[in-house]
Full PDB file with SEQRES, HELIX, SHEET, SSBOND, CRYST1, ORIGX, SCALE, CONECT and MASTER records, all heavy atoms in Angstrom:
SEQRES   1 A   41  GLU THR LEU ASN LEU SER GLY ASN ALA ILE HIS THR LEU          
SEQRES   2 A   41  THR LEU ASP MET PRO THR PRO ALA HIS GLY SER LYS LYS          
SEQRES   3 A   41  TYR SER ILE VAL ASP ARG LEU LEU PRO ALA LEU LYS VAL          
SEQRES   4 A   41  LEU SER                                                      
SHEET    1 AA1 2 THR A   2  LEU A   3  0                                        
SHEET    2 AA1 2 VAL A  39  LEU A  40  1                                        
CRYST1    1.000    1.000    1.000  90.00  90.00  90.00 P 1           1          
ORIGX1      1.000000  0.000000  0.000000        0.00000                         
ORIGX2      0.000000  1.000000  0.000000        0.00000                         
ORIGX3      0.000000  0.000000  1.000000        0.00000                         
SCALE1      1.000000  0.000000  0.000000        0.00000                         
SCALE2      0.000000  1.000000  0.000000        0.00000                         
SCALE3      0.000000  0.000000  1.000000        0.00000                         
ATOM      1  N   GLU A   1     177.801  66.712 109.883  1.00  0.00           N  
ATOM      2  CA  GLU A   1     176.565  65.935 109.975  1.00  0.00           C  
ATOM      3  C   GLU A   1     176.667  64.565 109.311  1.00  0.00           C  
ATOM      4  O   GLU A   1     176.023  63.617 109.765  1.00  0.00           O  
ATOM      5  CB  GLU A   1     175.404  66.720 109.355  1.00  0.00           C  
ATOM      6  CG  GLU A   1     175.056  67.993 110.111  1.00  0.00           C  
ATOM      7  CD  GLU A   1     173.872  68.720 109.505  1.00  0.00           C  
ATOM      8  OE1 GLU A   1     173.285  68.198 108.527  1.00  0.00           O  
ATOM      9  OE2 GLU A   1     173.534  69.810 109.991  1.00  0.00           O  
ATOM     10  N   THR A   2     177.441  64.453 108.230  1.00  0.00           N  
ATOM     11  CA  THR A   2     177.582  63.164 107.550  1.00  0.00           C  
ATOM     12  C   THR A   2     179.055  62.864 107.298  1.00  0.00           C  
ATOM     13  O   THR A   2     179.817  63.726 106.867  1.00  0.00           O  
ATOM     14  CB  THR A   2     176.836  63.148 106.199  1.00  0.00           C  
ATOM     15  OG1 THR A   2     177.414  64.095 105.303  1.00  0.00           O  
ATOM     16  CG2 THR A   2     175.363  63.464 106.391  1.00  0.00           C  
ATOM     17  N   LEU A   3     179.442  61.622 107.582  1.00  0.00           N  
ATOM     18  CA  LEU A   3     180.807  61.155 107.353  1.00  0.00           C  
ATOM     19  C   LEU A   3     180.735  59.838 106.599  1.00  0.00           C  
ATOM     20  O   LEU A   3     180.227  58.842 107.119  1.00  0.00           O  
ATOM     21  CB  LEU A   3     181.549  60.977 108.677  1.00  0.00           C  
ATOM     22  CG  LEU A   3     182.968  60.407 108.613  1.00  0.00           C  
ATOM     23  CD1 LEU A   3     183.866  61.284 107.746  1.00  0.00           C  
ATOM     24  CD2 LEU A   3     183.556  60.263 110.016  1.00  0.00           C  
ATOM     25  N   ASN A   4     181.227  59.829 105.373  1.00  0.00           N  
ATOM     26  CA  ASN A   4     181.168  58.641 104.517  1.00  0.00           C  
ATOM     27  C   ASN A   4     182.560  58.040 104.391  1.00  0.00           C  
ATOM     28  O   ASN A   4     183.456  58.633 103.780  1.00  0.00           O  
ATOM     29  CB  ASN A   4     180.627  59.021 103.131  1.00  0.00           C  
ATOM     30  CG  ASN A   4     180.340  57.804 102.269  1.00  0.00           C  
ATOM     31  OD1 ASN A   4     180.736  56.684 102.588  1.00  0.00           O  
ATOM     32  ND2 ASN A   4     179.645  58.007 101.163  1.00  0.00           N  
ATOM     33  N   LEU A   5     182.742  56.855 104.971  1.00  0.00           N  
ATOM     34  CA  LEU A   5     184.019  56.138 104.938  1.00  0.00           C  
ATOM     35  C   LEU A   5     183.889  54.815 104.193  1.00  0.00           C  
ATOM     36  O   LEU A   5     184.741  53.941 104.308  1.00  0.00           O  
ATOM     37  CB  LEU A   5     184.500  55.863 106.363  1.00  0.00           C  
ATOM     38  CG  LEU A   5     184.759  57.091 107.238  1.00  0.00           C  
ATOM     39  CD1 LEU A   5     184.902  56.692 108.698  1.00  0.00           C  
ATOM     40  CD2 LEU A   5     186.005  57.830 106.759  1.00  0.00           C  
ATOM     41  N   SER A   6     182.843  54.660 103.404  1.00  0.00           N  
ATOM     42  CA  SER A   6     182.576  53.398 102.716  1.00  0.00           C  
ATOM     43  C   SER A   6     183.641  53.088 101.672  1.00  0.00           C  
ATOM     44  O   SER A   6     184.271  53.995 101.112  1.00  0.00           O  
ATOM     45  CB  SER A   6     181.201  53.457 102.038  1.00  0.00           C  
ATOM     46  OG  SER A   6     180.179  53.671 102.982  1.00  0.00           O  
ATOM     47  N   GLY A   7     183.831  51.783 101.429  1.00  0.00           N  
ATOM     48  CA  GLY A   7     184.723  51.375 100.353  1.00  0.00           C  
ATOM     49  C   GLY A   7     186.188  51.622 100.620  1.00  0.00           C  
ATOM     50  O   GLY A   7     186.958  51.869  99.696  1.00  0.00           O  
ATOM     51  N   ASN A   8     186.595  51.561 101.886  1.00  0.00           N  
ATOM     52  CA  ASN A   8     188.008  51.638 102.224  1.00  0.00           C  
ATOM     53  C   ASN A   8     188.482  50.250 102.670  1.00  0.00           C  
ATOM     54  O   ASN A   8     187.884  49.248 102.304  1.00  0.00           O  
ATOM     55  CB  ASN A   8     188.223  52.681 103.317  1.00  0.00           C  
ATOM     56  CG  ASN A   8     188.281  54.103 102.776  1.00  0.00           C  
ATOM     57  OD1 ASN A   8     189.307  54.547 102.284  1.00  0.00           O  
ATOM     58  ND2 ASN A   8     187.150  54.818 102.852  1.00  0.00           N  
ATOM     59  N   ALA A   9     189.546  50.194 103.465  1.00  0.00           N  
ATOM     60  CA  ALA A   9     190.044  48.914 103.985  1.00  0.00           C  
ATOM     61  C   ALA A   9     190.121  48.972 105.503  1.00  0.00           C  
ATOM     62  O   ALA A   9     191.004  48.392 106.120  1.00  0.00           O  
ATOM     63  CB  ALA A   9     191.417  48.612 103.395  1.00  0.00           C  
ATOM     64  N   ILE A  10     189.178  49.691 106.103  1.00  0.00           N  
ATOM     65  CA  ILE A  10     189.220  49.949 107.542  1.00  0.00           C  
ATOM     66  C   ILE A  10     188.963  48.670 108.330  1.00  0.00           C  
ATOM     67  O   ILE A  10     187.913  48.044 108.196  1.00  0.00           O  
ATOM     68  CB  ILE A  10     188.185  51.016 107.933  1.00  0.00           C  
ATOM     69  CG1 ILE A  10     188.497  52.331 107.210  1.00  0.00           C  
ATOM     70  CG2 ILE A  10     188.179  51.233 109.445  1.00  0.00           C  
ATOM     71  CD1 ILE A  10     187.429  53.397 107.393  1.00  0.00           C  
ATOM     72  N   HIS A  11     189.931  48.290 109.143  1.00  0.00           N  
ATOM     73  CA  HIS A  11     189.746  47.164 110.056  1.00  0.00           C  
ATOM     74  C   HIS A  11     189.669  47.637 111.498  1.00  0.00           C  
ATOM     75  O   HIS A  11     189.215  46.910 112.378  1.00  0.00           O  
ATOM     76  CB  HIS A  11     190.859  46.125 109.902  1.00  0.00           C  
ATOM     77  CG  HIS A  11     192.248  46.680 110.068  1.00  0.00           C  
ATOM     78  ND1 HIS A  11     192.821  46.907 111.295  1.00  0.00           N  
ATOM     79  CD2 HIS A  11     193.170  47.061 109.140  1.00  0.00           C  
ATOM     80  CE1 HIS A  11     194.048  47.403 111.134  1.00  0.00           C  
ATOM     81  NE2 HIS A  11     194.286  47.506 109.840  1.00  0.00           N  
ATOM     82  N   THR A  12     190.111  48.861 111.746  1.00  0.00           N  
ATOM     83  CA  THR A  12     190.047  49.437 113.084  1.00  0.00           C  
ATOM     84  C   THR A  12     189.496  50.849 113.001  1.00  0.00           C  
ATOM     85  O   THR A  12     190.072  51.705 112.339  1.00  0.00           O  
ATOM     86  CB  THR A  12     191.438  49.486 113.746  1.00  0.00           C  
ATOM     87  OG1 THR A  12     191.969  48.161 113.807  1.00  0.00           O  
ATOM     88  CG2 THR A  12     191.345  50.051 115.155  1.00  0.00           C  
ATOM     89  N   LEU A  13     188.370  51.075 113.666  1.00  0.00           N  
ATOM     90  CA  LEU A  13     187.770  52.404 113.756  1.00  0.00           C  
ATOM     91  C   LEU A  13     187.602  52.723 115.229  1.00  0.00           C  
ATOM     92  O   LEU A  13     186.777  52.121 115.921  1.00  0.00           O  
ATOM     93  CB  LEU A  13     186.426  52.449 113.029  1.00  0.00           C  
ATOM     94  CG  LEU A  13     185.658  53.776 113.092  1.00  0.00           C  
ATOM     95  CD1 LEU A  13     186.490  54.902 112.492  1.00  0.00           C  
ATOM     96  CD2 LEU A  13     184.328  53.657 112.361  1.00  0.00           C  
ATOM     97  N   THR A  14     188.388  53.664 115.725  1.00  0.00           N  
ATOM     98  CA  THR A  14     188.417  53.975 117.145  1.00  0.00           C  
ATOM     99  C   THR A  14     187.607  55.224 117.440  1.00  0.00           C  
ATOM    100  O   THR A  14     187.874  56.284 116.888  1.00  0.00           O  
ATOM    101  CB  THR A  14     189.870  54.190 117.629  1.00  0.00           C  
ATOM    102  OG1 THR A  14     190.644  53.032 117.314  1.00  0.00           O  
ATOM    103  CG2 THR A  14     189.910  54.429 119.123  1.00  0.00           C  
ATOM    104  N   LEU A  15     186.620  55.069 118.323  1.00  0.00           N  
ATOM    105  CA  LEU A  15     185.804  56.196 118.756  1.00  0.00           C  
ATOM    106  C   LEU A  15     185.945  56.475 120.237  1.00  0.00           C  
ATOM    107  O   LEU A  15     185.872  57.624 120.665  1.00  0.00           O  
ATOM    108  CB  LEU A  15     184.328  55.932 118.441  1.00  0.00           C  
ATOM    109  CG  LEU A  15     183.976  55.825 116.965  1.00  0.00           C  
ATOM    110  CD1 LEU A  15     183.358  54.486 116.667  1.00  0.00           C  
ATOM    111  CD2 LEU A  15     183.042  56.934 116.553  1.00  0.00           C  
ATOM    112  N   ASP A  16     186.104  55.415 121.027  1.00  0.00           N  
ATOM    113  CA  ASP A  16     186.191  55.612 122.471  1.00  0.00           C  
ATOM    114  C   ASP A  16     187.634  55.773 122.909  1.00  0.00           C  
ATOM    115  O   ASP A  16     188.569  55.350 122.237  1.00  0.00           O  
ATOM    116  CB  ASP A  16     185.529  54.461 123.230  1.00  0.00           C  
ATOM    117  CG  ASP A  16     186.122  53.108 122.865  1.00  0.00           C  
ATOM    118  OD1 ASP A  16     186.875  53.045 121.872  1.00  0.00           O  
ATOM    119  OD2 ASP A  16     185.827  52.135 123.565  1.00  0.00           O  
ATOM    120  N   MET A  17     187.804  56.420 124.055  1.00  0.00           N  
ATOM    121  CA  MET A  17     189.139  56.624 124.603  1.00  0.00           C  
ATOM    122  C   MET A  17     189.673  55.315 125.171  1.00  0.00           C  
ATOM    123  O   MET A  17     188.905  54.489 125.659  1.00  0.00           O  
ATOM    124  CB  MET A  17     189.092  57.677 125.721  1.00  0.00           C  
ATOM    125  CG  MET A  17     188.682  59.054 125.233  1.00  0.00           C  
ATOM    126  SD  MET A  17     189.866  59.760 124.064  1.00  0.00           S  
ATOM    127  CE  MET A  17     191.158  60.258 125.192  1.00  0.00           C  
ATOM    128  N   PRO A  18     190.982  55.076 125.099  1.00  0.00           N  
ATOM    129  CA  PRO A  18     191.546  53.852 125.666  1.00  0.00           C  
ATOM    130  C   PRO A  18     191.393  53.811 127.178  1.00  0.00           C  
ATOM    131  O   PRO A  18     191.306  54.842 127.831  1.00  0.00           O  
ATOM    132  CB  PRO A  18     193.030  53.936 125.259  1.00  0.00           C  
ATOM    133  CG  PRO A  18     193.282  55.394 125.053  1.00  0.00           C  
ATOM    134  CD  PRO A  18     192.002  55.956 124.513  1.00  0.00           C  
ATOM    135  N   THR A  19     191.349  52.616 127.718  1.00  0.00           N  
ATOM    136  CA  THR A  19     191.239  52.454 129.168  1.00  0.00           C  
ATOM    137  C   THR A  19     192.552  52.857 129.839  1.00  0.00           C  
ATOM    138  O   THR A  19     193.620  52.372 129.456  1.00  0.00           O  
ATOM    139  CB  THR A  19     190.926  50.989 129.522  1.00  0.00           C  
ATOM    140  OG1 THR A  19     189.728  50.613 128.851  1.00  0.00           O  
ATOM    141  CG2 THR A  19     190.752  50.833 131.024  1.00  0.00           C  
ATOM    142  N   PRO A  20     192.516  53.763 130.806  1.00  0.00           N  
ATOM    143  CA  PRO A  20     193.766  54.207 131.436  1.00  0.00           C  
ATOM    144  C   PRO A  20     194.412  53.083 132.239  1.00  0.00           C  
ATOM    145  O   PRO A  20     193.733  52.210 132.769  1.00  0.00           O  
ATOM    146  CB  PRO A  20     193.292  55.331 132.368  1.00  0.00           C  
ATOM    147  CG  PRO A  20     191.854  55.022 132.637  1.00  0.00           C  
ATOM    148  CD  PRO A  20     191.326  54.392 131.380  1.00  0.00           C  
ATOM    149  N   ALA A  21     195.716  53.099 132.307  1.00  0.00           N  
ATOM    150  CA  ALA A  21     196.448  52.102 133.079  1.00  0.00           C  
ATOM    151  C   ALA A  21     196.166  52.282 134.569  1.00  0.00           C  
ATOM    152  O   ALA A  21     195.807  53.371 135.024  1.00  0.00           O  
ATOM    153  CB  ALA A  21     197.945  52.222 132.800  1.00  0.00           C  
ATOM    154  N   HIS A  22     196.344  51.209 135.312  1.00  0.00           N  
ATOM    155  CA  HIS A  22     196.083  51.249 136.745  1.00  0.00           C  
ATOM    156  C   HIS A  22     196.957  52.300 137.427  1.00  0.00           C  
ATOM    157  O   HIS A  22     198.174  52.338 137.263  1.00  0.00           O  
ATOM    158  CB  HIS A  22     196.358  49.876 137.363  1.00  0.00           C  
ATOM    159  CG  HIS A  22     196.088  49.830 138.847  1.00  0.00           C  
ATOM    160  ND1 HIS A  22     194.821  49.906 139.360  1.00  0.00           N  
ATOM    161  CD2 HIS A  22     196.936  49.729 139.907  1.00  0.00           C  
ATOM    162  CE1 HIS A  22     194.883  49.849 140.677  1.00  0.00           C  
ATOM    163  NE2 HIS A  22     196.163  49.742 141.033  1.00  0.00           N  
ATOM    164  N   GLY A  23     196.305  53.179 138.174  1.00  0.00           N  
ATOM    165  CA  GLY A  23     197.044  54.197 138.905  1.00  0.00           C  
ATOM    166  C   GLY A  23     197.293  55.467 138.125  1.00  0.00           C  
ATOM    167  O   GLY A  23     197.781  56.450 138.670  1.00  0.00           O  
ATOM    168  N   SER A  24     196.950  55.474 136.838  1.00  0.00           N  
ATOM    169  CA  SER A  24     197.197  56.679 136.039  1.00  0.00           C  
ATOM    170  C   SER A  24     195.980  57.587 136.078  1.00  0.00           C  
ATOM    171  O   SER A  24     194.901  57.216 136.539  1.00  0.00           O  
ATOM    172  CB  SER A  24     197.519  56.296 134.596  1.00  0.00           C  
ATOM    173  OG  SER A  24     196.397  55.679 133.990  1.00  0.00           O  
ATOM    174  N   LYS A  25     196.133  58.769 135.552  1.00  0.00           N  
ATOM    175  CA  LYS A  25     195.044  59.732 135.527  1.00  0.00           C  
ATOM    176  C   LYS A  25     193.931  59.244 134.607  1.00  0.00           C  
ATOM    177  O   LYS A  25     194.173  58.768 133.512  1.00  0.00           O  
ATOM    178  CB  LYS A  25     195.567  61.086 135.037  1.00  0.00           C  
ATOM    179  CG  LYS A  25     194.528  62.198 135.086  1.00  0.00           C  
ATOM    180  CD  LYS A  25     195.143  63.518 134.633  1.00  0.00           C  
ATOM    181  CE  LYS A  25     194.089  64.619 134.658  1.00  0.00           C  
ATOM    182  NZ  LYS A  25     194.656  65.918 134.225  1.00  0.00           N  
ATOM    183  N   LYS A  26     192.705  59.354 135.068  1.00  0.00           N  
ATOM    184  CA  LYS A  26     191.581  58.882 134.275  1.00  0.00           C  
ATOM    185  C   LYS A  26     191.354  59.788 133.058  1.00  0.00           C  
ATOM    186  O   LYS A  26     191.566  60.986 133.108  1.00  0.00           O  
ATOM    187  CB  LYS A  26     190.312  58.852 135.130  1.00  0.00           C  
ATOM    188  CG  LYS A  26     190.337  57.807 136.237  1.00  0.00           C  
ATOM    189  CD  LYS A  26     189.013  57.812 136.980  1.00  0.00           C  
ATOM    190  CE  LYS A  26     189.032  56.742 138.069  1.00  0.00           C  
ATOM    191  NZ  LYS A  26     187.748  56.726 138.809  1.00  0.00           N  
ATOM    192  N   TYR A  27     190.897  59.160 131.997  1.00  0.00           N  
ATOM    193  CA  TYR A  27     190.553  59.930 130.814  1.00  0.00           C  
ATOM    194  C   TYR A  27     189.194  60.599 131.020  1.00  0.00           C  
ATOM    195  O   TYR A  27     188.270  60.018 131.571  1.00  0.00           O  
ATOM    196  CB  TYR A  27     190.484  59.020 129.572  1.00  0.00           C  
ATOM    197  CG  TYR A  27     191.820  58.500 129.131  1.00  0.00           C  
ATOM    198  CD1 TYR A  27     192.226  57.206 129.458  1.00  0.00           C  
ATOM    199  CD2 TYR A  27     192.679  59.295 128.394  1.00  0.00           C  
ATOM    200  CE1 TYR A  27     193.452  56.721 129.059  1.00  0.00           C  
ATOM    201  CE2 TYR A  27     193.908  58.816 127.983  1.00  0.00           C  
ATOM    202  CZ  TYR A  27     194.292  57.527 128.315  1.00  0.00           C  
ATOM    203  OH  TYR A  27     195.500  57.057 127.914  1.00  0.00           O  
ATOM    204  N   SER A  28     189.103  61.829 130.544  1.00  0.00           N  
ATOM    205  CA  SER A  28     187.827  62.534 130.638  1.00  0.00           C  
ATOM    206  C   SER A  28     186.901  62.096 129.518  1.00  0.00           C  
ATOM    207  O   SER A  28     187.327  61.584 128.484  1.00  0.00           O  
ATOM    208  CB  SER A  28     188.058  64.047 130.541  1.00  0.00           C  
ATOM    209  OG  SER A  28     188.666  64.377 129.303  1.00  0.00           O  
ATOM    210  N   ILE A  29     185.607  62.300 129.696  1.00  0.00           N  
ATOM    211  CA  ILE A  29     184.632  61.939 128.683  1.00  0.00           C  
ATOM    212  C   ILE A  29     184.811  62.837 127.459  1.00  0.00           C  
ATOM    213  O   ILE A  29     184.974  64.052 127.564  1.00  0.00           O  
ATOM    214  CB  ILE A  29     183.202  62.092 129.242  1.00  0.00           C  
ATOM    215  CG1 ILE A  29     182.995  61.122 130.413  1.00  0.00           C  
ATOM    216  CG2 ILE A  29     182.163  61.853 128.154  1.00  0.00           C  
ATOM    217  CD1 ILE A  29     181.676  61.286 131.103  1.00  0.00           C  
ATOM    218  N   VAL A  30     184.766  62.236 126.287  1.00  0.00           N  
ATOM    219  CA  VAL A  30     184.952  63.001 125.056  1.00  0.00           C  
ATOM    220  C   VAL A  30     183.615  63.647 124.696  1.00  0.00           C  
ATOM    221  O   VAL A  30     182.802  63.083 123.976  1.00  0.00           O  
ATOM    222  CB  VAL A  30     185.425  62.082 123.905  1.00  0.00           C  
ATOM    223  CG1 VAL A  30     185.765  62.913 122.674  1.00  0.00           C  
ATOM    224  CG2 VAL A  30     186.635  61.286 124.339  1.00  0.00           C  
ATOM    225  N   ASP A  31     183.384  64.850 125.218  1.00  0.00           N  
ATOM    226  CA  ASP A  31     182.093  65.488 125.017  1.00  0.00           C  
ATOM    227  C   ASP A  31     182.067  66.338 123.751  1.00  0.00           C  
ATOM    228  O   ASP A  31     181.019  66.897 123.408  1.00  0.00           O  
ATOM    229  CB  ASP A  31     181.728  66.346 126.229  1.00  0.00           C  
ATOM    230  CG  ASP A  31     182.790  67.389 126.553  1.00  0.00           C  
ATOM    231  OD1 ASP A  31     183.833  67.393 125.878  1.00  0.00           O  
ATOM    232  OD2 ASP A  31     182.563  68.193 127.472  1.00  0.00           O  
ATOM    233  N   ARG A  32     183.197  66.426 123.042  1.00  0.00           N  
ATOM    234  CA  ARG A  32     183.229  67.219 121.820  1.00  0.00           C  
ATOM    235  C   ARG A  32     183.465  66.350 120.593  1.00  0.00           C  
ATOM    236  O   ARG A  32     183.844  66.841 119.543  1.00  0.00           O  
ATOM    237  CB  ARG A  32     184.317  68.289 121.910  1.00  0.00           C  
ATOM    238  CG  ARG A  32     184.077  69.345 122.969  1.00  0.00           C  
ATOM    239  CD  ARG A  32     185.153  70.408 122.927  1.00  0.00           C  
ATOM    240  NE  ARG A  32     185.205  71.065 121.630  1.00  0.00           N  
ATOM    241  CZ  ARG A  32     186.281  71.686 121.147  1.00  0.00           C  
ATOM    242  NH1 ARG A  32     187.408  71.677 121.845  1.00  0.00           N  
ATOM    243  NH2 ARG A  32     186.256  72.277 119.974  1.00  0.00           N  
ATOM    244  N   LEU A  33     183.240  65.058 120.706  1.00  0.00           N  
ATOM    245  CA  LEU A  33     183.486  64.158 119.590  1.00  0.00           C  
ATOM    246  C   LEU A  33     182.314  64.207 118.606  1.00  0.00           C  
ATOM    247  O   LEU A  33     181.268  63.628 118.851  1.00  0.00           O  
ATOM    248  CB  LEU A  33     183.687  62.728 120.104  1.00  0.00           C  
ATOM    249  CG  LEU A  33     183.916  61.653 119.032  1.00  0.00           C  
ATOM    250  CD1 LEU A  33     185.159  61.966 118.206  1.00  0.00           C  
ATOM    251  CD2 LEU A  33     184.032  60.277 119.653  1.00  0.00           C  
ATOM    252  N   LEU A  34     182.507  64.958 117.525  1.00  0.00           N  
ATOM    253  CA  LEU A  34     181.517  65.043 116.449  1.00  0.00           C  
ATOM    254  C   LEU A  34     180.098  65.213 117.000  1.00  0.00           C  
ATOM    255  O   LEU A  34     179.221  64.373 116.762  1.00  0.00           O  
ATOM    256  CB  LEU A  34     181.610  63.790 115.570  1.00  0.00           C  
ATOM    257  CG  LEU A  34     182.989  63.502 114.968  1.00  0.00           C  
ATOM    258  CD1 LEU A  34     182.972  62.182 114.210  1.00  0.00           C  
ATOM    259  CD2 LEU A  34     183.433  64.630 114.058  1.00  0.00           C  
ATOM    260  N   PRO A  35     179.832  66.296 117.700  1.00  0.00           N  
ATOM    261  CA  PRO A  35     178.548  66.455 118.403  1.00  0.00           C  
ATOM    262  C   PRO A  35     177.331  66.570 117.489  1.00  0.00           C  
ATOM    263  O   PRO A  35     176.205  66.356 117.937  1.00  0.00           O  
ATOM    264  CB  PRO A  35     178.749  67.749 119.209  1.00  0.00           C  
ATOM    265  CG  PRO A  35     179.794  68.503 118.452  1.00  0.00           C  
ATOM    266  CD  PRO A  35     180.720  67.457 117.899  1.00  0.00           C  
ATOM    267  N   ALA A  36     177.537  66.901 116.207  1.00  0.00           N  
ATOM    268  CA  ALA A  36     176.409  67.075 115.282  1.00  0.00           C  
ATOM    269  C   ALA A  36     176.269  65.923 114.296  1.00  0.00           C  
ATOM    270  O   ALA A  36     175.370  65.949 113.450  1.00  0.00           O  
ATOM    271  CB  ALA A  36     176.556  68.400 114.521  1.00  0.00           C  
ATOM    272  N   LEU A  37     177.144  64.905 114.381  1.00  0.00           N  
ATOM    273  CA  LEU A  37     177.138  63.835 113.385  1.00  0.00           C  
ATOM    274  C   LEU A  37     175.856  63.019 113.445  1.00  0.00           C  
ATOM    275  O   LEU A  37     175.509  62.452 114.467  1.00  0.00           O  
ATOM    276  CB  LEU A  37     178.339  62.908 113.581  1.00  0.00           C  
ATOM    277  CG  LEU A  37     178.575  61.908 112.433  1.00  0.00           C  
ATOM    278  CD1 LEU A  37     179.057  62.642 111.184  1.00  0.00           C  
ATOM    279  CD2 LEU A  37     179.577  60.847 112.825  1.00  0.00           C  
ATOM    280  N   LYS A  38     175.145  62.947 112.295  1.00  0.00           N  
ATOM    281  CA  LYS A  38     173.887  62.216 112.209  1.00  0.00           C  
ATOM    282  C   LYS A  38     174.021  60.913 111.419  1.00  0.00           C  
ATOM    283  O   LYS A  38     173.317  59.950 111.708  1.00  0.00           O  
ATOM    284  CB  LYS A  38     172.815  63.094 111.563  1.00  0.00           C  
ATOM    285  CG  LYS A  38     172.449  64.318 112.381  1.00  0.00           C  
ATOM    286  CD  LYS A  38     171.395  65.149 111.666  1.00  0.00           C  
ATOM    287  CE  LYS A  38     171.022  66.375 112.487  1.00  0.00           C  
ATOM    288  NZ  LYS A  38     170.005  67.213 111.776  1.00  0.00           N  
ATOM    289  N   VAL A  39     174.897  60.911 110.411  1.00  0.00           N  
ATOM    290  CA  VAL A  39     175.016  59.738 109.537  1.00  0.00           C  
ATOM    291  C   VAL A  39     176.480  59.307 109.457  1.00  0.00           C  
ATOM    292  O   VAL A  39     177.350  60.095 109.089  1.00  0.00           O  
ATOM    293  CB  VAL A  39     174.497  60.042 108.115  1.00  0.00           C  
ATOM    294  CG1 VAL A  39     174.639  58.806 107.231  1.00  0.00           C  
ATOM    295  CG2 VAL A  39     173.044  60.513 108.159  1.00  0.00           C  
ATOM    296  N   LEU A  40     176.739  58.033 109.813  1.00  0.00           N  
ATOM    297  CA  LEU A  40     178.073  57.446 109.702  1.00  0.00           C  
ATOM    298  C   LEU A  40     177.992  56.233 108.782  1.00  0.00           C  
ATOM    299  O   LEU A  40     177.244  55.293 109.044  1.00  0.00           O  
ATOM    300  CB  LEU A  40     178.587  57.023 111.077  1.00  0.00           C  
ATOM    301  CG  LEU A  40     179.930  56.285 111.109  1.00  0.00           C  
ATOM    302  CD1 LEU A  40     181.051  57.165 110.586  1.00  0.00           C  
ATOM    303  CD2 LEU A  40     180.243  55.792 112.520  1.00  0.00           C  
ATOM    304  N   SER A  41     178.762  56.264 107.696  1.00  0.00           N  
ATOM    305  CA  SER A  41     178.760  55.157 106.732  1.00  0.00           C  
ATOM    306  C   SER A  41     180.137  54.515 106.690  1.00  0.00           C  
ATOM    307  O   SER A  41     181.124  55.174 106.354  1.00  0.00           O  
ATOM    308  CB  SER A  41     178.390  55.663 105.330  1.00  0.00           C  
ATOM    309  OG  SER A  41     177.082  56.192 105.315  1.00  0.00           O  
TER     310      SER A  41                                                      
MASTER        0    0    0    0    2    0    0    6  309    1    0    4          
END                                                                             
């Protein structure tokens, strides 16, 4: 429900899937990515 990442040196925070290359298999929707998370710091 809560994930606290404050006070680090994060310059890159990746949540979405990368765009697939042309002609490659499409990425599926990430439907299980932290489904209950309410607070992100």
